[in-house]
Protein backbone atom coordinates (compact mmCIF):
# COMPACT_ATOMS: atom_id res chain seq x y z
CA MET A 1 18.65 -6.78 0.94
CA VAL A 2 19.11 -3.72 3.11
CA ALA A 3 20.09 -4.24 6.73
CA ASP A 4 17.74 -2.88 9.34
CA LEU A 5 18.70 0.27 11.18
CA PRO A 6 20.19 -0.50 14.61
CA PHE A 7 17.46 -0.56 17.27
CA PRO A 8 18.88 2.40 19.27
CA LEU A 9 18.89 4.60 16.15
CA LEU A 10 15.50 3.31 15.05
CA LYS A 11 14.02 3.98 18.49
CA LYS A 12 15.42 7.51 18.42
CA LEU A 13 13.99 8.13 14.93
CA LEU A 14 10.57 6.70 15.83
CA ASN A 15 10.45 8.91 18.93
CA GLN A 16 11.23 11.89 16.69
CA VAL A 17 8.50 10.80 14.25
CA ALA A 18 6.05 10.70 17.18
CA ARG A 19 6.97 14.34 17.88
CA GLY A 20 6.31 15.25 14.23
CA ASP A 21 9.90 15.37 12.98
CA ASP A 22 9.74 15.18 9.17
CA LYS A 23 13.49 14.58 8.87
CA ALA A 24 13.21 11.41 10.96
CA ILE A 25 10.45 9.86 8.84
CA THR A 26 12.38 10.87 5.71
CA GLU A 27 15.45 9.03 6.98
CA ILE A 28 13.40 5.93 7.73
CA TYR A 29 11.63 6.18 4.37
CA TYR A 30 14.83 6.40 2.34
CA HIS A 31 16.32 3.48 4.22
CA TYR A 32 13.37 1.10 3.72
CA ALA A 33 11.33 2.31 0.72
CA ARG A 34 13.07 0.32 -2.03
CA GLN A 35 12.93 -2.94 -0.10
CA LEU A 36 9.31 -2.34 0.84
CA TYR A 37 8.39 -1.45 -2.76
CA ALA A 38 9.96 -4.72 -4.01
CA PHE A 39 7.94 -6.65 -1.44
CA ALA A 40 4.70 -4.83 -2.28
CA ARG A 41 5.24 -5.17 -6.04
CA ALA A 42 5.43 -8.94 -5.65
CA LYS A 43 1.99 -8.90 -3.99
CA VAL A 44 0.08 -6.70 -6.45
CA LYS A 45 -0.07 -6.48 -10.24
CA SER A 46 0.68 -2.79 -10.69
CA ASP A 47 3.59 -0.44 -10.06
CA ASP A 48 1.13 2.30 -9.12
CA VAL A 49 -0.61 0.13 -6.56
CA ALA A 50 2.73 -0.96 -5.10
CA ASN A 51 3.77 2.70 -4.75
CA THR A 52 0.45 3.48 -3.08
CA LEU A 53 0.91 0.60 -0.65
CA VAL A 54 4.37 1.88 0.28
CA GLN A 55 2.95 5.34 0.95
CA GLU A 56 0.14 3.87 3.05
CA VAL A 57 2.62 1.83 5.11
CA PHE A 58 4.65 4.94 5.87
CA MET A 59 1.48 6.79 6.79
CA VAL A 60 0.95 4.12 9.46
CA VAL A 61 4.50 4.72 10.68
CA CYS A 62 3.83 8.48 10.81
CA LYS A 63 0.52 8.12 12.65
CA LYS A 64 1.45 5.28 15.02
CA PRO A 65 5.21 4.97 15.40
CA GLU A 66 4.71 3.62 18.92
CA SER A 67 2.92 0.53 17.56
CA PHE A 68 6.28 -1.02 16.64
CA ASN A 69 7.15 -3.14 19.67
CA TYR A 70 10.81 -4.05 18.89
CA THR A 71 10.16 -7.81 19.11
CA SER A 72 10.90 -8.30 15.41
CA LYS A 73 12.93 -6.62 12.72
CA PHE A 74 11.49 -3.28 11.64
CA SER A 75 11.52 -4.40 8.00
CA THR A 76 9.45 -7.46 8.97
CA TRP A 77 6.94 -5.18 10.70
CA LEU A 78 6.74 -2.93 7.62
CA CYS A 79 6.26 -5.92 5.33
CA GLY A 80 3.49 -7.22 7.60
CA ILE A 81 1.63 -3.94 7.24
CA ALA A 82 2.21 -3.99 3.47
CA MET A 83 0.96 -7.59 3.26
CA ARG A 84 -2.29 -6.74 5.04
CA LYS A 85 -2.80 -3.70 2.81
CA ALA A 86 -2.10 -5.79 -0.32
CA ILE A 87 -4.57 -8.44 0.81
CA ASP A 88 -7.19 -5.74 1.42
CA PHE A 89 -6.51 -4.19 -1.99
CA ASN A 90 -6.67 -7.53 -3.81
CA ARG A 91 -9.86 -8.47 -1.98
CA GLN A 92 -11.53 -5.17 -2.87
CA SER A 93 -10.44 -5.15 -6.50
CA ARG A 94 -11.33 -8.82 -7.11
CA GLY A 95 -15.06 -8.13 -6.90
CA GLU A 96 -14.98 -5.34 -9.46
CA LEU A 97 -16.09 -6.24 -12.96
CA PRO A 98 -14.69 -4.33 -15.89
CA THR A 99 -17.18 -1.92 -17.43
CA VAL A 100 -17.41 -0.71 -20.98
CA ALA A 101 -19.28 2.35 -22.15
CA LEU A 102 -21.57 1.62 -25.06
CA ASP A 103 -21.95 4.15 -27.83
CA ASP A 104 -25.34 4.74 -29.47
CA GLY A 105 -24.55 2.52 -32.48
CA VAL A 106 -23.75 -0.54 -30.36
CA GLU A 107 -26.70 0.07 -28.05
CA ALA A 108 -29.07 0.19 -31.05
CA MET A 109 -27.97 -3.34 -32.06
CA ILE A 110 -28.89 -4.83 -28.65
CA PRO A 111 -32.42 -6.30 -28.45
CA SER A 112 -34.66 -4.15 -26.28
CA TYR A 113 -35.35 -6.94 -23.78
CA TYR A 114 -31.62 -6.93 -22.84
CA LEU A 115 -31.42 -3.17 -22.27
CA GLY A 116 -33.03 -3.42 -18.85
CA ALA A 117 -30.21 -5.65 -17.64
CA LEU A 118 -27.59 -3.30 -19.07
CA GLU A 119 -29.01 -0.33 -17.26
């Protein structure tokens, strides 16, 4: 597990992020991304989704760096954001049913009274 950045350095970097400093967010990203990815990957079933969650978490950091209140570890705060995003993703994807395209040959074998339901 990676140790958190010291609060004085983290505060300095977050202030720089608030001013639009790309180097500061890059430094934060490289320090926390692997740990955050491992956390996210445990919450979702796909590497791609875990990567997307990590990117979304860092977008929150970029847009609202001041929302970190220094009452917890920064990594805990990041994981909290990732957890909420994973829950949202899992909730949204749970309701989706897999769909299959039917070719003309298969469709011709289905009784006509079922076709209305398929449409």
